[in-house]
Amino acid sequence: MREIKFRAWDKSSKAMCKVKRILNFDGKMHFILDNPNSDFWGNNYGCDIDRIELMQFTGLKDNKRTKEYPNGQEIYEGDIVKLTDYHGERIVIIDFGNGTFYYKGDGFSDEYLFNALNKTIIGNIYENPELLEDYK
């Protein structure tokens, strides 16, 4: 079974945050985030859905191995990924729709194909918008 987890882009502090808890009270979703730019509660603080952009983990990791990510970095919605296969190299954005994760803009939506390709995260749409300048 695939691990279900999320990260969030905090629009006000402009930081990528780990989602520690998702709560529902007063009929509204609230989140406890681990924000590296906050000193409140030891970097943990609560916010509602209007303050963040929520992104789900795809269940997949990239092929780049580093000391920080010895098994590869987790791939989330909103990540910008360089794919290399027998068709060459292309830059894609990971998105979710119709019940599946897919590459935004390159015509593929097959998760099996996604597993089969060499993939490297090069950024995300919030922290690295300059990578989208050549993206079509």
N, C-alpha and C. Protein backbone atom coordinates (compact mmCIF):
# COMPACT_ATOMS: atom_id res chain seq x y z
N MET A 1 0.83 -1.17 0.00
CA MET A 1 0.00 0.00 0.00
C MET A 1 0.89 1.25 0.00
N ARG A 2 0.47 2.26 -0.74
CA ARG A 2 1.22 3.51 -0.87
C ARG A 2 1.02 4.38 0.36
N GLU A 3 2.10 5.00 0.79
CA GLU A 3 2.05 5.92 1.93
C GLU A 3 1.36 7.21 1.50
N ILE A 4 0.38 7.66 2.30
CA ILE A 4 -0.34 8.89 2.02
C ILE A 4 0.23 10.00 2.90
N LYS A 5 0.80 11.03 2.28
CA LYS A 5 1.29 12.17 3.03
C LYS A 5 1.28 13.39 2.14
N PHE A 6 1.43 14.54 2.78
CA PHE A 6 1.30 15.81 2.08
C PHE A 6 2.42 16.76 2.47
N ARG A 7 2.65 17.74 1.61
CA ARG A 7 3.44 18.91 1.95
C ARG A 7 2.59 20.11 1.55
N ALA A 8 3.01 21.29 1.98
CA ALA A 8 2.21 22.48 1.69
C ALA A 8 3.12 23.67 1.40
N TRP A 9 2.71 24.48 0.45
CA TRP A 9 3.37 25.75 0.19
C TRP A 9 2.61 26.80 0.99
N ASP A 10 3.29 27.40 1.96
CA ASP A 10 2.70 28.46 2.78
C ASP A 10 2.80 29.76 2.00
N LYS A 11 1.65 30.26 1.55
CA LYS A 11 1.62 31.46 0.70
C LYS A 11 2.13 32.70 1.42
N SER A 12 1.89 32.80 2.72
CA SER A 12 2.29 34.03 3.42
C SER A 12 3.78 34.06 3.74
N SER A 13 4.34 32.95 4.18
CA SER A 13 5.78 32.95 4.50
C SER A 13 6.63 32.49 3.33
N LYS A 14 5.99 32.07 2.23
CA LYS A 14 6.68 31.59 1.04
C LYS A 14 7.69 30.50 1.38
N ALA A 15 7.19 29.46 2.08
CA ALA A 15 8.04 28.35 2.48
C ALA A 15 7.33 27.03 2.21
N MET A 16 8.13 26.02 1.81
CA MET A 16 7.61 24.67 1.65
C MET A 16 7.63 24.02 3.02
N CYS A 17 6.49 23.45 3.43
CA CYS A 17 6.33 22.93 4.78
C CYS A 17 5.89 21.47 4.77
N LYS A 18 6.32 20.75 5.75
CA LYS A 18 5.83 19.40 5.96
C LYS A 18 4.48 19.50 6.68
N VAL A 19 3.48 18.76 6.21
CA VAL A 19 2.18 18.74 6.88
C VAL A 19 2.24 17.68 7.97
N LYS A 20 2.12 18.11 9.21
CA LYS A 20 2.21 17.18 10.33
C LYS A 20 0.86 16.60 10.71
N ARG A 21 -0.19 17.43 10.62
CA ARG A 21 -1.54 16.97 10.96
C ARG A 21 -2.57 17.70 10.10
N ILE A 22 -3.64 16.98 9.79
CA ILE A 22 -4.79 17.58 9.12
C ILE A 22 -5.97 17.41 10.06
N LEU A 23 -6.61 18.53 10.40
CA LEU A 23 -7.71 18.54 11.36
C LEU A 23 -8.97 19.08 10.69
N ASN A 24 -10.10 18.65 11.20
CA ASN A 24 -11.37 19.17 10.71
C ASN A 24 -12.19 19.59 11.93
N PHE A 25 -12.38 20.88 12.08
CA PHE A 25 -13.27 21.37 13.12
C PHE A 25 -13.98 22.62 12.60
N ASP A 26 -15.15 22.84 13.14
CA ASP A 26 -16.02 23.93 12.69
C ASP A 26 -16.33 23.82 11.19
N GLY A 27 -16.33 22.59 10.66
CA GLY A 27 -16.64 22.38 9.26
C GLY A 27 -15.58 22.85 8.29
N LYS A 28 -14.36 23.09 8.78
CA LYS A 28 -13.29 23.59 7.93
C LYS A 28 -12.01 22.82 8.21
N MET A 29 -11.21 22.59 7.16
CA MET A 29 -9.94 21.89 7.33
C MET A 29 -8.88 22.85 7.86
N HIS A 30 -8.10 22.36 8.81
CA HIS A 30 -6.98 23.10 9.38
C HIS A 30 -5.75 22.20 9.36
N PHE A 31 -4.58 22.81 9.32
CA PHE A 31 -3.35 22.06 9.16
C PHE A 31 -2.33 22.48 10.21
N ILE A 32 -1.58 21.51 10.72
CA ILE A 32 -0.42 21.79 11.55
C ILE A 32 0.79 21.55 10.65
N LEU A 33 1.58 22.61 10.45
CA LEU A 33 2.71 22.57 9.54
C LEU A 33 4.02 22.68 10.29
N ASP A 34 5.04 22.07 9.73
CA ASP A 34 6.41 22.26 10.20
C ASP A 34 7.05 23.23 9.21
N ASN A 35 7.08 24.51 9.59
CA ASN A 35 7.55 25.56 8.71
C ASN A 35 8.96 25.97 9.12
N PRO A 36 9.95 25.81 8.23
CA PRO A 36 11.32 26.18 8.58
C PRO A 36 11.52 27.68 8.80
N ASN A 37 10.57 28.51 8.35
CA ASN A 37 10.69 29.97 8.51
C ASN A 37 9.94 30.51 9.71
N SER A 38 9.45 29.62 10.58
CA SER A 38 8.67 30.06 11.73
C SER A 38 9.31 29.62 13.04
N ASP A 39 9.26 30.49 14.04
CA ASP A 39 9.75 30.13 15.36
C ASP A 39 8.60 29.81 16.31
N PHE A 40 7.39 29.90 15.81
CA PHE A 40 6.21 29.67 16.64
C PHE A 40 6.07 28.20 16.95
N TRP A 41 5.94 27.82 18.21
CA TRP A 41 5.81 26.43 18.68
C TRP A 41 6.92 25.54 18.12
N GLY A 42 8.13 26.03 18.08
CA GLY A 42 9.22 25.22 17.56
C GLY A 42 9.01 24.88 16.10
N ASN A 43 8.63 25.84 15.30
CA ASN A 43 8.38 25.74 13.87
C ASN A 43 7.03 25.14 13.52
N ASN A 44 6.28 24.65 14.50
CA ASN A 44 4.96 24.09 14.22
C ASN A 44 3.90 25.15 14.44
N TYR A 45 2.98 25.27 13.50
CA TYR A 45 1.89 26.21 13.69
C TYR A 45 0.70 25.75 12.87
N GLY A 46 -0.45 26.27 13.22
CA GLY A 46 -1.68 25.90 12.55
C GLY A 46 -2.12 26.95 11.55
N CYS A 47 -2.79 26.50 10.50
CA CYS A 47 -3.35 27.42 9.52
C CYS A 47 -4.51 26.73 8.82
N ASP A 48 -5.27 27.49 8.06
CA ASP A 48 -6.38 26.88 7.34
C ASP A 48 -6.03 26.73 5.86
N ILE A 49 -6.92 26.10 5.12
CA ILE A 49 -6.67 25.74 3.72
C ILE A 49 -6.46 26.96 2.83
N ASP A 50 -7.00 28.11 3.20
CA ASP A 50 -6.86 29.31 2.38
C ASP A 50 -5.43 29.85 2.36
N ARG A 51 -4.63 29.48 3.34
CA ARG A 51 -3.27 30.01 3.46
C ARG A 51 -2.23 29.16 2.72
N ILE A 52 -2.62 27.94 2.32
CA ILE A 52 -1.63 27.02 1.74
C ILE A 52 -2.07 26.47 0.39
N GLU A 53 -1.10 25.90 -0.31
CA GLU A 53 -1.34 25.06 -1.48
C GLU A 53 -0.91 23.66 -1.06
N LEU A 54 -1.85 22.74 -1.02
CA LEU A 54 -1.62 21.39 -0.55
C LEU A 54 -1.18 20.50 -1.71
N MET A 55 -0.14 19.68 -1.49
CA MET A 55 0.39 18.77 -2.51
C MET A 55 0.55 17.38 -1.93
N GLN A 56 0.10 16.37 -2.66
CA GLN A 56 0.16 14.98 -2.18
C GLN A 56 1.41 14.28 -2.72
N PHE A 57 1.96 13.39 -1.90
CA PHE A 57 3.07 12.53 -2.27
C PHE A 57 2.58 11.52 -3.31
N THR A 58 3.33 11.32 -4.38
CA THR A 58 2.93 10.39 -5.44
C THR A 58 3.15 8.93 -5.08
N GLY A 59 3.96 8.69 -4.05
CA GLY A 59 4.34 7.32 -3.72
C GLY A 59 5.62 6.91 -4.41
N LEU A 60 6.20 7.82 -5.22
CA LEU A 60 7.41 7.52 -5.99
C LEU A 60 8.56 8.42 -5.55
N LYS A 61 9.77 7.96 -5.85
CA LYS A 61 10.98 8.74 -5.56
C LYS A 61 11.78 8.89 -6.84
N ASP A 62 12.59 9.94 -6.87
CA ASP A 62 13.42 10.14 -8.07
C ASP A 62 14.64 9.22 -8.01
N ASN A 63 15.43 9.24 -9.10
CA ASN A 63 16.58 8.35 -9.21
C ASN A 63 17.87 8.94 -8.68
N LYS A 64 17.83 10.19 -8.24
CA LYS A 64 19.04 10.86 -7.75
C LYS A 64 19.29 10.45 -6.31
N ARG A 65 20.46 9.91 -6.04
CA ARG A 65 20.84 9.49 -4.69
C ARG A 65 21.84 10.49 -4.12
N THR A 66 21.54 11.00 -2.93
CA THR A 66 22.44 11.94 -2.26
C THR A 66 22.58 11.50 -0.80
N LYS A 67 23.47 12.16 -0.08
CA LYS A 67 23.62 11.86 1.34
C LYS A 67 22.31 12.16 2.08
N GLU A 68 21.66 13.27 1.71
CA GLU A 68 20.39 13.65 2.35
C GLU A 68 19.25 12.71 1.95
N TYR A 69 19.27 12.22 0.70
CA TYR A 69 18.21 11.33 0.19
C TYR A 69 18.86 10.07 -0.40
N PRO A 70 19.32 9.14 0.46
CA PRO A 70 20.02 7.95 -0.05
C PRO A 70 19.13 7.04 -0.90
N ASN A 71 17.83 7.09 -0.75
CA ASN A 71 16.91 6.27 -1.55
C ASN A 71 16.17 7.09 -2.60
N GLY A 72 16.59 8.32 -2.82
CA GLY A 72 15.91 9.20 -3.75
C GLY A 72 14.96 10.14 -3.03
N GLN A 73 14.69 11.27 -3.65
CA GLN A 73 13.81 12.28 -3.07
C GLN A 73 12.36 11.97 -3.43
N GLU A 74 11.45 12.18 -2.48
CA GLU A 74 10.03 11.93 -2.71
C GLU A 74 9.48 12.91 -3.75
N ILE A 75 8.65 12.40 -4.65
CA ILE A 75 8.05 13.22 -5.70
C ILE A 75 6.62 13.58 -5.31
N TYR A 76 6.32 14.88 -5.31
CA TYR A 76 5.02 15.41 -4.94
C TYR A 76 4.39 16.13 -6.14
N GLU A 77 3.09 16.35 -6.05
CA GLU A 77 2.43 17.24 -7.00
C GLU A 77 3.18 18.57 -6.98
N GLY A 78 3.26 19.20 -8.12
CA GLY A 78 3.93 20.50 -8.19
C GLY A 78 5.42 20.41 -8.40
N ASP A 79 6.00 19.21 -8.35
CA ASP A 79 7.43 19.08 -8.61
C ASP A 79 7.70 19.21 -10.10
N ILE A 80 8.85 19.79 -10.41
CA ILE A 80 9.33 19.89 -11.78
C ILE A 80 10.39 18.80 -11.91
N VAL A 81 10.18 17.90 -12.87
CA VAL A 81 11.01 16.71 -12.98
C VAL A 81 11.61 16.62 -14.37
N LYS A 82 12.90 16.26 -14.41
CA LYS A 82 13.56 15.99 -15.69
C LYS A 82 13.46 14.49 -15.93
N LEU A 83 12.82 14.11 -17.04
CA LEU A 83 12.68 12.71 -17.43
C LEU A 83 13.62 12.42 -18.58
N THR A 84 14.30 11.28 -18.53
CA THR A 84 15.17 10.86 -19.61
C THR A 84 14.79 9.44 -19.99
N ASP A 85 14.52 9.22 -21.28
CA ASP A 85 14.21 7.88 -21.79
C ASP A 85 14.67 7.79 -23.24
N TYR A 86 14.25 6.77 -23.95
CA TYR A 86 14.69 6.59 -25.33
C TYR A 86 14.18 7.68 -26.26
N HIS A 87 13.22 8.50 -25.83
CA HIS A 87 12.75 9.64 -26.62
C HIS A 87 13.61 10.88 -26.39
N GLY A 88 14.49 10.82 -25.40
CA GLY A 88 15.33 11.97 -25.07
C GLY A 88 15.01 12.50 -23.70
N GLU A 89 15.29 13.79 -23.52
CA GLU A 89 15.11 14.43 -22.23
C GLU A 89 13.99 15.45 -22.33
N ARG A 90 13.15 15.52 -21.28
CA ARG A 90 12.09 16.53 -21.25
C ARG A 90 11.85 16.95 -19.80
N ILE A 91 11.33 18.16 -19.66
CA ILE A 91 11.00 18.71 -18.35
C ILE A 91 9.48 18.68 -18.22
N VAL A 92 8.97 18.12 -17.12
CA VAL A 92 7.53 18.00 -16.91
C VAL A 92 7.15 18.47 -15.51
N ILE A 93 5.89 18.77 -15.33
CA ILE A 93 5.34 19.12 -14.02
C ILE A 93 4.44 17.97 -13.59
N ILE A 94 4.56 17.55 -12.35
CA ILE A 94 3.73 16.48 -11.82
C ILE A 94 2.41 17.08 -11.33
N ASP A 95 1.31 16.47 -11.74
CA ASP A 95 -0.02 16.96 -11.36
C ASP A 95 -0.90 15.76 -11.02
N PHE A 96 -2.11 16.03 -10.55
CA PHE A 96 -3.06 14.99 -10.19
C PHE A 96 -4.42 15.34 -10.76
N GLY A 97 -5.07 14.37 -11.35
CA GLY A 97 -6.41 14.57 -11.88
C GLY A 97 -7.02 13.26 -12.33
N ASN A 98 -8.33 13.16 -12.30
CA ASN A 98 -9.04 11.95 -12.69
C ASN A 98 -8.52 10.70 -11.97
N GLY A 99 -8.13 10.88 -10.72
CA GLY A 99 -7.72 9.75 -9.90
C GLY A 99 -6.31 9.24 -10.11
N THR A 100 -5.46 10.00 -10.83
CA THR A 100 -4.10 9.53 -11.06
C THR A 100 -3.12 10.70 -11.12
N PHE A 101 -1.86 10.41 -10.82
CA PHE A 101 -0.79 11.39 -11.02
C PHE A 101 -0.35 11.30 -12.47
N TYR A 102 -0.03 12.44 -13.07
CA TYR A 102 0.39 12.43 -14.47
C TYR A 102 1.37 13.56 -14.72
N TYR A 103 1.98 13.54 -15.91
CA TYR A 103 2.87 14.61 -16.33
C TYR A 103 2.04 15.68 -16.99
N LYS A 104 2.16 16.86 -16.52
CA LYS A 104 1.38 17.96 -17.09
C LYS A 104 2.06 18.48 -18.36
N GLY A 105 1.34 18.37 -19.46
CA GLY A 105 1.80 18.99 -20.69
C GLY A 105 2.52 18.12 -21.68
N ASP A 106 2.89 16.88 -21.36
CA ASP A 106 3.62 16.10 -22.36
C ASP A 106 2.80 14.96 -22.95
N GLY A 107 1.53 14.87 -22.60
CA GLY A 107 0.65 13.89 -23.22
C GLY A 107 0.58 12.54 -22.55
N PHE A 108 1.39 12.28 -21.53
CA PHE A 108 1.36 10.99 -20.85
C PHE A 108 0.57 11.09 -19.55
N SER A 109 -0.15 10.03 -19.20
CA SER A 109 -0.82 9.98 -17.91
C SER A 109 -0.74 8.58 -17.32
N ASP A 110 0.23 7.78 -17.76
CA ASP A 110 0.37 6.40 -17.33
C ASP A 110 1.38 6.31 -16.20
N GLU A 111 0.93 5.96 -15.00
CA GLU A 111 1.83 5.89 -13.86
C GLU A 111 2.88 4.79 -14.04
N TYR A 112 2.54 3.71 -14.74
CA TYR A 112 3.52 2.65 -14.98
C TYR A 112 4.69 3.20 -15.79
N LEU A 113 4.40 3.97 -16.81
CA LEU A 113 5.46 4.59 -17.60
C LEU A 113 6.30 5.51 -16.73
N PHE A 114 5.65 6.22 -15.82
CA PHE A 114 6.37 7.11 -14.91
C PHE A 114 7.38 6.34 -14.07
N ASN A 115 7.00 5.14 -13.61
CA ASN A 115 7.92 4.31 -12.83
C ASN A 115 9.10 3.84 -13.66
N ALA A 116 8.90 3.65 -14.95
CA ALA A 116 9.92 3.05 -15.80
C ALA A 116 10.99 4.04 -16.25
N LEU A 117 10.75 5.33 -16.13
CA LEU A 117 11.67 6.33 -16.64
C LEU A 117 12.71 6.77 -15.62
N ASN A 118 13.85 7.23 -16.13
CA ASN A 118 14.83 7.90 -15.28
C ASN A 118 14.27 9.28 -14.97
N LYS A 119 14.17 9.62 -13.70
CA LYS A 119 13.55 10.88 -13.30
C LYS A 119 14.38 11.56 -12.21
N THR A 120 14.50 12.89 -12.31
CA THR A 120 15.25 13.68 -11.34
C THR A 120 14.46 14.94 -11.04
N ILE A 121 14.18 15.18 -9.77
CA ILE A 121 13.52 16.42 -9.37
C ILE A 121 14.51 17.57 -9.53
N ILE A 122 14.08 18.60 -10.24
CA ILE A 122 14.96 19.76 -10.41
C ILE A 122 14.40 21.00 -9.70
N GLY A 123 13.20 20.89 -9.15
CA GLY A 123 12.60 22.01 -8.43
C GLY A 123 11.12 21.79 -8.27
N ASN A 124 10.42 22.87 -7.93
CA ASN A 124 8.96 22.82 -7.85
C ASN A 124 8.40 24.15 -8.33
N ILE A 125 7.10 24.15 -8.61
CA ILE A 125 6.49 25.32 -9.24
C ILE A 125 6.44 26.55 -8.35
N TYR A 126 6.62 26.40 -7.05
CA TYR A 126 6.53 27.53 -6.13
C TYR A 126 7.90 28.14 -5.83
N GLU A 127 8.89 27.30 -5.58
CA GLU A 127 10.22 27.80 -5.22
C GLU A 127 11.11 28.06 -6.45
N ASN A 128 10.78 27.47 -7.58
CA ASN A 128 11.62 27.59 -8.77
C ASN A 128 10.82 27.96 -10.01
N PRO A 129 10.04 29.04 -9.99
CA PRO A 129 9.22 29.39 -11.15
C PRO A 129 10.05 29.70 -12.40
N GLU A 130 11.31 30.05 -12.23
CA GLU A 130 12.16 30.34 -13.38
C GLU A 130 12.37 29.11 -14.25
N LEU A 131 12.21 27.91 -13.67
CA LEU A 131 12.35 26.68 -14.46
C LEU A 131 11.20 26.49 -15.43
N LEU A 132 10.11 27.23 -15.24
CA LEU A 132 8.93 27.10 -16.09
C LEU A 132 8.98 28.00 -17.32
N GLU A 133 9.99 28.87 -17.42
CA GLU A 133 10.07 29.81 -18.53
C GLU A 133 10.11 29.12 -19.88
N ASP A 134 10.84 27.99 -19.97
CA ASP A 134 10.95 27.26 -21.24
C ASP A 134 9.94 26.13 -21.33
N TYR A 135 9.11 25.96 -20.32
CA TYR A 135 8.16 24.85 -20.27
C TYR A 135 6.95 25.15 -21.15
N LYS A 136 6.58 24.22 -21.94
CA LYS A 136 5.38 24.34 -22.77
C LYS A 136 4.55 23.10 -22.60
